[in-house]
Amino acid sequence: MRASKHRNRVGAVIPAVVALVFVAMAVRHQEPGSGVLAHISGVRQTLGHAHTPPGHAAQPAGRGRQPAGHAAQPAGHGRQPVAQARQPQPLGVPGHWRLVLDSRFNGRHPDPRIWRTGWFRNGVSGPINQHEAACYSPANVAPTGHGAMRLIVVRKRSRCGHRRRLFTGAVLSSNPRDGRAHGGFSYRYGLLQAKIYVPGDGAHIANWPAVLSLGQVWPRDGEDDVMENLGGVVCSHFHSPGYAPGGNLGGCDPGFTPGWHVVSANWEPGSVTWYYDGVQIAQATKGITGAPMYIVVVNSVSTKALQVARPAAVRLVYVRVWQRVPPPAPPRPKHGRHQHG
């Protein structure tokens, strides 16, 4: 979509220890399969953040104006509570990975320590982009009861952005700098992957669903459109200074049809590679920014593509982020006496 000084060491240890105690209690009482790493990533965001100079946001090419702010500390620091061998691995992207966000919805409401169901505010909010024909309502983010979360578009007028709009949609944002008191999630480099049901009729995708990452100041800090429906064709693009709005960083997949998909973006220094269902569909090797990004999942309607607008729901099973780690060292040879016969 187009869219301080540190405390001394002793003072920093005490809140960190207290936080770890609460994390341990949360893990102990965690229900099976409810996304422990997501909770810990959210706690980690409350312990500190890297300072980013403030700046004025510009108009995103796909999803709207981004208020200036400070980037949160990238995830991925600290001990992981799940053994490496048991962690899920990204589909279709080989390598050695550490899971730093595992947000599984499992038919429950989004974890407020990670997600917000409004755009920089509670209640009806939005839009991210001036060309949207829908606002976002928290009431349109609802569990299915079958291991997924629904983001629903309904044909109901709503008011946001100083005018009334024909539809009401839904958004999930992990932005730790959207006015919330604490929590959220952002990352700097890594592989973002989401399992998502994209609605539509036959071969035509409905509405304006998207999975994307955004930096705090647009376009300076970048925008990674992992998957978005542009009037019936699903595309992946990267936007940054010189490549926003528009730009040709990325590509589209005319064969992407309604149904269940796993969409991914591997963001590395100097490149982003996009995958649909484990198959590489595009890559960009210029204009790639390096500031931390947060995650947005949205189901809305475009004023430029009302022909595909209809009441329909995106379903979301999980959102995950991995970061690369060095391969394990080979075992050392055992030294000892050898007997020769």
Protein backbone atom coordinates (compact mmCIF):
# COMPACT_ATOMS: atom_id res chain seq x y z
CA MET A 1 0.00 0.00 0.00
CA ARG A 2 1.40 3.37 -0.50
CA ALA A 3 1.36 4.41 2.01
CA SER A 4 17.13 9.48 25.50
CA LYS A 5 19.68 8.79 27.70
CA HIS A 6 19.96 5.25 29.00
CA ARG A 7 19.70 4.49 32.72
CA ASN A 8 22.66 3.03 34.54
CA ARG A 9 23.15 -0.71 34.44
CA VAL A 10 21.71 -1.39 37.90
CA GLY A 11 18.58 0.67 37.24
CA ALA A 12 17.99 -1.16 33.95
CA VAL A 13 18.35 -4.64 35.44
CA ILE A 14 15.50 -4.33 37.95
CA PRO A 15 12.65 -3.65 35.47
CA ALA A 16 14.06 -6.22 33.07
CA VAL A 17 14.04 -8.88 35.79
CA VAL A 18 10.48 -7.94 36.78
CA ALA A 19 9.42 -8.17 33.13
CA LEU A 20 10.98 -11.61 32.77
CA VAL A 21 9.11 -12.80 35.88
CA PHE A 22 5.82 -11.75 34.33
CA VAL A 23 6.83 -13.37 31.03
CA ALA A 24 7.60 -16.61 32.83
CA MET A 25 4.19 -16.49 34.53
CA ALA A 26 2.53 -15.84 31.16
CA VAL A 27 4.33 -18.76 29.55
CA ARG A 28 3.40 -21.03 32.45
CA HIS A 29 -0.29 -20.23 32.01
CA GLN A 30 -0.19 -20.05 28.22
CA GLU A 31 -2.79 -22.07 26.36
CA PRO A 32 -1.36 -24.47 23.79
CA GLY A 33 -0.66 -22.88 20.42
CA SER A 34 -1.44 -19.30 21.46
CA GLY A 35 1.72 -17.63 20.25
CA VAL A 36 4.12 -17.28 23.19
CA LEU A 37 6.79 -15.50 21.14
CA ALA A 38 4.36 -12.79 20.13
CA HIS A 39 3.70 -12.00 23.78
CA ILE A 40 7.38 -11.85 24.61
CA SER A 41 8.07 -9.64 21.61
CA GLY A 42 5.39 -7.29 22.88
CA VAL A 43 6.94 -7.18 26.37
CA ARG A 44 10.33 -6.58 24.81
CA GLN A 45 8.97 -3.48 23.10
CA THR A 46 8.10 -1.96 26.47
CA LEU A 47 11.64 -2.33 27.80
CA GLY A 48 13.27 0.20 25.50
CA HIS A 49 13.50 1.63 22.01
CA ALA A 50 16.11 3.03 19.70
CA HIS A 51 15.94 6.77 19.19
CA THR A 52 15.10 7.97 15.70
CA PRO A 53 15.17 11.67 14.82
CA PRO A 54 11.61 12.94 14.30
CA GLY A 55 10.53 14.10 10.89
CA HIS A 56 7.48 15.12 8.95
CA ALA A 57 5.63 12.36 7.12
CA ALA A 58 4.74 12.61 3.45
CA GLN A 59 1.71 11.18 1.65
CA PRO A 60 2.18 7.43 1.00
CA ALA A 61 1.46 6.25 -2.49
CA GLY A 62 -0.84 3.44 -1.36
CA ARG A 63 -2.01 3.71 2.24
CA GLY A 64 -1.78 7.26 3.50
CA ARG A 65 0.07 9.73 5.67
CA GLN A 66 2.40 8.32 8.32
CA PRO A 67 2.85 10.53 11.39
CA ALA A 68 6.47 11.08 12.36
CA GLY A 69 7.72 9.17 15.37
CA HIS A 70 10.43 7.13 17.01
CA ALA A 71 11.22 3.64 15.79
CA ALA A 72 10.85 0.86 18.33
CA GLN A 73 13.69 -1.47 19.17
CA PRO A 74 13.93 -4.20 16.54
CA ALA A 75 12.77 -7.57 17.82
CA GLY A 76 15.03 -10.53 18.06
CA HIS A 77 17.07 -9.83 21.19
CA GLY A 78 17.11 -12.15 24.15
CA ARG A 79 16.37 -15.76 24.93
CA GLN A 80 13.66 -17.54 22.96
CA PRO A 81 11.38 -19.84 25.00
CA VAL A 82 10.83 -22.37 22.20
CA ALA A 83 13.58 -24.80 21.25
CA GLN A 84 15.04 -24.01 17.83
CA ALA A 85 14.26 -27.49 16.48
CA ARG A 86 10.57 -27.04 17.33
CA GLN A 87 10.12 -23.58 15.85
CA PRO A 88 8.14 -23.29 12.61
CA GLN A 89 10.32 -22.47 9.64
CA PRO A 90 9.43 -20.11 6.78
CA LEU A 91 7.79 -21.68 3.75
CA GLY A 92 9.98 -21.81 0.67
CA VAL A 93 12.91 -19.75 2.00
CA PRO A 94 15.89 -21.89 3.02
CA GLY A 95 18.42 -20.79 5.59
CA HIS A 96 19.01 -20.67 9.31
CA TRP A 97 16.34 -18.63 11.07
CA ARG A 98 15.37 -17.42 14.52
CA LEU A 99 11.66 -16.82 15.11
CA VAL A 100 11.16 -13.37 16.69
CA LEU A 101 7.40 -12.93 16.22
CA ASP A 102 4.84 -15.75 16.27
CA SER A 103 1.40 -14.17 16.42
CA ARG A 104 -1.18 -16.94 16.00
CA PHE A 105 -4.82 -15.95 16.33
CA ASN A 106 -6.37 -19.37 17.04
CA GLY A 107 -9.91 -18.03 17.02
CA ARG A 108 -9.23 -15.47 19.76
CA HIS A 109 -9.13 -11.68 19.67
CA PRO A 110 -5.80 -10.06 18.69
CA ASP A 111 -3.26 -9.70 21.47
CA PRO A 112 -3.39 -5.99 22.46
CA ARG A 113 0.26 -6.19 23.47
CA ILE A 114 1.04 -6.58 19.77
CA TRP A 115 -1.93 -5.38 17.72
CA ARG A 116 -4.23 -2.39 17.60
CA THR A 117 -7.55 -2.53 15.74
CA GLY A 118 -7.50 1.18 14.88
CA TRP A 119 -5.32 3.55 12.92
CA PHE A 120 -3.58 5.81 15.48
CA ARG A 121 -6.70 5.85 17.65
CA ASN A 122 -9.44 3.72 19.18
CA GLY A 123 -12.92 3.43 17.73
CA VAL A 124 -13.68 4.09 14.07
CA SER A 125 -10.49 5.36 12.43
CA GLY A 126 -8.52 5.75 9.25
CA PRO A 127 -8.12 5.73 6.43
CA ILE A 128 -4.48 4.99 5.75
CA ASN A 129 -4.81 6.24 2.18
CA GLN A 130 -6.90 9.10 0.84
CA HIS A 131 -8.23 6.87 -1.96
CA GLU A 132 -10.00 4.47 0.40
CA ALA A 133 -13.79 4.23 0.36
CA ALA A 134 -13.86 2.70 3.86
CA CYS A 135 -13.04 3.57 7.45
CA TYR A 136 -11.91 0.92 9.96
CA SER A 137 -14.00 -0.34 12.84
CA PRO A 138 -12.73 -2.57 15.68
CA ALA A 139 -16.10 -4.34 15.46
CA ASN A 140 -15.01 -5.65 12.05
CA VAL A 141 -12.04 -7.55 13.55
CA ALA A 142 -13.53 -10.73 14.97
CA PRO A 143 -12.41 -14.33 15.62
CA THR A 144 -13.93 -17.04 13.47
CA GLY A 145 -13.95 -19.71 16.17
CA HIS A 146 -12.03 -21.95 13.75
CA GLY A 147 -8.45 -20.86 14.32
CA ALA A 148 -8.47 -17.59 12.38
CA MET A 149 -9.23 -13.89 12.65
CA ARG A 150 -11.64 -12.12 10.32
CA LEU A 151 -11.09 -8.62 8.94
CA ILE A 152 -14.47 -7.74 7.47
CA VAL A 153 -15.65 -5.22 4.88
CA VAL A 154 -19.34 -4.31 5.16
CA ARG A 155 -21.48 -2.02 3.06
CA LYS A 156 -22.09 0.44 5.87
CA ARG A 157 -21.36 4.15 5.73
CA SER A 158 -18.80 5.46 8.21
CA ARG A 159 -17.02 8.73 8.83
CA CYS A 160 -13.25 9.23 9.06
CA GLY A 161 -10.67 11.51 7.51
CA HIS A 162 -13.17 14.41 7.60
CA ARG A 163 -15.73 12.78 5.32
CA ARG A 164 -18.23 9.95 5.07
CA ARG A 165 -17.32 6.79 3.20
CA LEU A 166 -19.46 4.10 1.58
CA PHE A 167 -17.95 1.10 3.38
CA THR A 168 -16.48 0.08 6.72
CA GLY A 169 -13.43 -2.18 6.78
CA ALA A 170 -10.85 -3.39 9.29
CA VAL A 171 -7.18 -2.97 10.19
CA LEU A 172 -4.56 -4.56 12.45
CA SER A 173 -1.44 -2.51 13.20
CA SER A 174 1.61 -3.39 15.31
CA ASN A 175 2.97 0.19 15.29
CA PRO A 176 4.52 0.83 18.74
CA ARG A 177 4.40 4.59 18.06
CA ASP A 178 0.70 4.98 17.25
CA GLY A 179 -0.22 6.64 20.54
CA ARG A 180 -0.54 3.48 22.63
CA ALA A 181 0.99 3.52 26.09
CA HIS A 182 3.16 0.47 25.48
CA GLY A 183 3.52 -2.66 23.37
CA GLY A 184 3.55 -3.10 19.62
CA PHE A 185 6.17 -4.71 17.42
CA SER A 186 8.69 -3.54 14.83
CA TYR A 187 11.72 -5.16 13.26
CA ARG A 188 14.78 -4.28 11.18
CA TYR A 189 15.46 -6.86 8.47
CA GLY A 190 13.91 -10.28 8.48
CA LEU A 191 11.35 -12.47 6.80
CA LEU A 192 7.70 -11.53 7.29
CA GLN A 193 5.17 -14.26 6.53
CA ALA A 194 1.39 -14.42 6.90
CA LYS A 195 -1.17 -17.14 6.23
CA ILE A 196 -4.22 -15.39 4.87
CA TYR A 197 -7.52 -16.15 3.14
CA VAL A 198 -8.18 -13.64 0.37
CA PRO A 199 -11.88 -13.33 -0.60
CA GLY A 200 -13.28 -13.02 -4.10
CA ASP A 201 -15.50 -14.45 -6.81
CA GLY A 202 -13.98 -16.99 -9.16
CA ALA A 203 -10.63 -15.57 -10.28
CA HIS A 204 -11.30 -12.01 -9.06
CA ILE A 205 -9.99 -10.77 -5.68
CA ALA A 206 -12.48 -8.62 -3.76
CA ASN A 207 -11.81 -5.22 -2.18
CA TRP A 208 -8.35 -3.91 -1.20
CA PRO A 209 -6.78 -6.46 1.18
CA ALA A 210 -3.10 -6.05 1.98
CA VAL A 211 -0.25 -7.26 4.17
CA LEU A 212 2.55 -4.69 4.47
CA SER A 213 5.33 -3.22 6.59
CA LEU A 214 5.74 0.52 7.13
CA GLY A 215 8.48 2.72 8.51
CA GLN A 216 7.65 5.60 10.80
CA VAL A 217 8.25 8.38 8.25
CA TRP A 218 7.03 7.86 4.70
CA PRO A 219 8.69 7.47 2.26
CA ARG A 220 12.02 8.02 4.02
CA ASP A 221 11.75 4.85 6.11
CA GLY A 222 10.19 2.70 3.40
CA GLU A 223 7.07 0.68 2.71
CA ASP A 224 7.06 -3.02 1.86
CA ASP A 225 3.80 -4.17 0.27
CA VAL A 226 4.06 -7.90 0.79
CA MET A 227 0.69 -8.49 -0.86
CA GLU A 228 -2.04 -6.13 -1.99
CA ASN A 229 -4.92 -6.35 -4.44
CA LEU A 230 -4.75 -3.58 -7.03
CA GLY A 231 -8.08 -3.65 -8.82
CA GLY A 232 -8.08 -7.42 -9.28
CA VAL A 233 -4.34 -8.16 -9.62
CA VAL A 234 -2.25 -9.02 -6.56
CA CYS A 235 1.15 -7.32 -6.40
CA SER A 236 4.21 -6.81 -4.20
CA HIS A 237 6.10 -3.50 -4.22
CA PHE A 238 8.64 -1.50 -2.23
CA HIS A 239 8.30 2.28 -1.90
CA SER A 240 11.07 4.63 -0.80
CA PRO A 241 12.51 8.02 -1.75
CA GLY A 242 12.65 8.13 -5.53
CA TYR A 243 10.21 5.21 -5.81
CA ALA A 244 7.06 6.68 -4.28
CA PRO A 245 4.41 7.12 -5.29
CA GLY A 246 4.53 4.48 -7.96
CA GLY A 247 7.92 3.08 -8.86
CA ASN A 248 8.77 -0.28 -10.36
CA LEU A 249 10.32 -2.03 -7.36
CA GLY A 250 8.52 -5.36 -7.31
CA GLY A 251 6.01 -7.20 -9.45
CA CYS A 252 2.55 -8.73 -9.76
CA ASP A 253 1.12 -12.23 -10.01
CA PRO A 254 -1.86 -12.43 -12.41
CA GLY A 255 -2.34 -16.07 -11.38
CA PHE A 256 -3.08 -15.22 -7.73
CA THR A 257 -6.67 -16.31 -7.09
CA PRO A 258 -9.07 -16.08 -4.12
CA GLY A 259 -8.45 -18.60 -1.35
CA TRP A 260 -5.79 -19.52 1.21
CA HIS A 261 -2.23 -18.32 0.63
CA VAL A 262 1.06 -17.89 2.46
CA VAL A 263 2.63 -14.55 1.51
CA SER A 264 6.20 -13.59 2.44
CA ALA A 265 8.80 -10.85 2.09
CA ASN A 266 12.47 -11.46 2.89
CA TRP A 267 13.91 -8.02 3.71
CA GLU A 268 17.71 -7.94 3.77
CA PRO A 269 20.25 -5.11 3.46
CA GLY A 270 19.92 -3.91 -0.14
CA SER A 271 17.17 -6.28 -1.26
CA VAL A 272 13.62 -7.54 -0.74
CA THR A 273 12.43 -10.85 -2.20
CA TRP A 274 8.72 -11.72 -2.29
CA TYR A 275 7.17 -15.19 -2.22
CA TYR A 276 3.61 -16.42 -2.72
CA ASP A 277 3.02 -19.93 -1.39
CA GLY A 278 6.76 -20.59 -1.21
CA VAL A 279 7.46 -19.53 -4.82
CA GLN A 280 9.51 -16.42 -5.55
CA ILE A 281 7.49 -13.92 -7.59
CA ALA A 282 9.61 -10.74 -7.50
CA GLN A 283 12.76 -9.12 -6.13
CA ALA A 284 13.98 -5.55 -5.67
CA THR A 285 17.69 -4.72 -5.31
CA LYS A 286 17.64 -0.91 -5.23
CA GLY A 287 15.91 1.74 -3.17
CA ILE A 288 15.70 -0.54 -0.11
CA THR A 289 15.61 1.31 3.20
CA GLY A 290 16.99 0.08 6.53
CA ALA A 291 14.89 1.77 9.22
CA PRO A 292 12.69 -0.42 11.48
CA MET A 293 9.20 -1.24 10.20
CA TYR A 294 5.94 -2.29 11.82
CA ILE A 295 3.27 -4.61 10.37
CA VAL A 296 -0.17 -3.76 8.99
CA VAL A 297 -2.91 -6.13 7.82
CA VAL A 298 -5.92 -4.36 6.31
CA ASN A 299 -9.12 -5.10 4.42
CA SER A 300 -10.53 -1.98 2.79
CA VAL A 301 -12.03 -0.66 -0.46
CA SER A 302 -10.37 1.50 -3.11
CA THR A 303 -12.23 4.38 -4.73
CA LYS A 304 -10.29 3.47 -7.87
CA ALA A 305 -11.62 -0.11 -7.96
CA LEU A 306 -15.24 -0.03 -6.81
CA GLN A 307 -16.00 -2.74 -9.37
CA VAL A 308 -14.40 -5.31 -7.01
CA ALA A 309 -15.95 -3.88 -3.81
CA ARG A 310 -18.33 -6.15 -1.90
CA PRO A 311 -19.00 -7.35 1.66
CA ALA A 312 -16.32 -9.96 2.32
CA ALA A 313 -13.84 -11.06 4.97
CA VAL A 314 -10.12 -11.65 4.99
CA ARG A 315 -9.15 -14.47 7.35
CA LEU A 316 -5.80 -14.47 9.09
CA VAL A 317 -4.23 -17.49 10.81
CA TYR A 318 -0.80 -16.18 11.75
CA VAL A 319 1.76 -13.45 11.24
CA ARG A 320 5.41 -14.44 11.79
CA VAL A 321 8.81 -12.79 11.51
CA TRP A 322 12.15 -14.58 11.40
CA GLN A 323 15.68 -13.19 11.35
CA ARG A 324 18.72 -14.93 9.91
CA VAL A 325 21.27 -16.49 12.23
CA PRO A 326 24.67 -18.00 11.39
CA PRO A 327 24.65 -21.72 10.61
CA PRO A 328 25.59 -23.95 13.54
CA ALA A 329 29.27 -24.68 13.90
CA PRO A 330 30.29 -28.19 12.81
CA PRO A 331 31.07 -30.59 15.66
CA ARG A 332 34.66 -30.69 16.71
CA PRO A 333 36.49 -33.92 15.96
CA LYS A 334 37.20 -36.06 18.95
CA HIS A 335 40.89 -36.51 19.67
CA GLY A 336 42.22 -39.66 21.29
CA ARG A 337 44.45 -42.60 20.84
CA HIS A 338 43.69 -44.93 17.97
CA GLN A 339 44.60 -48.55 18.10
CA HIS A 340 45.85 -50.06 14.91
CA GLY A 341 45.38 -53.73 14.30
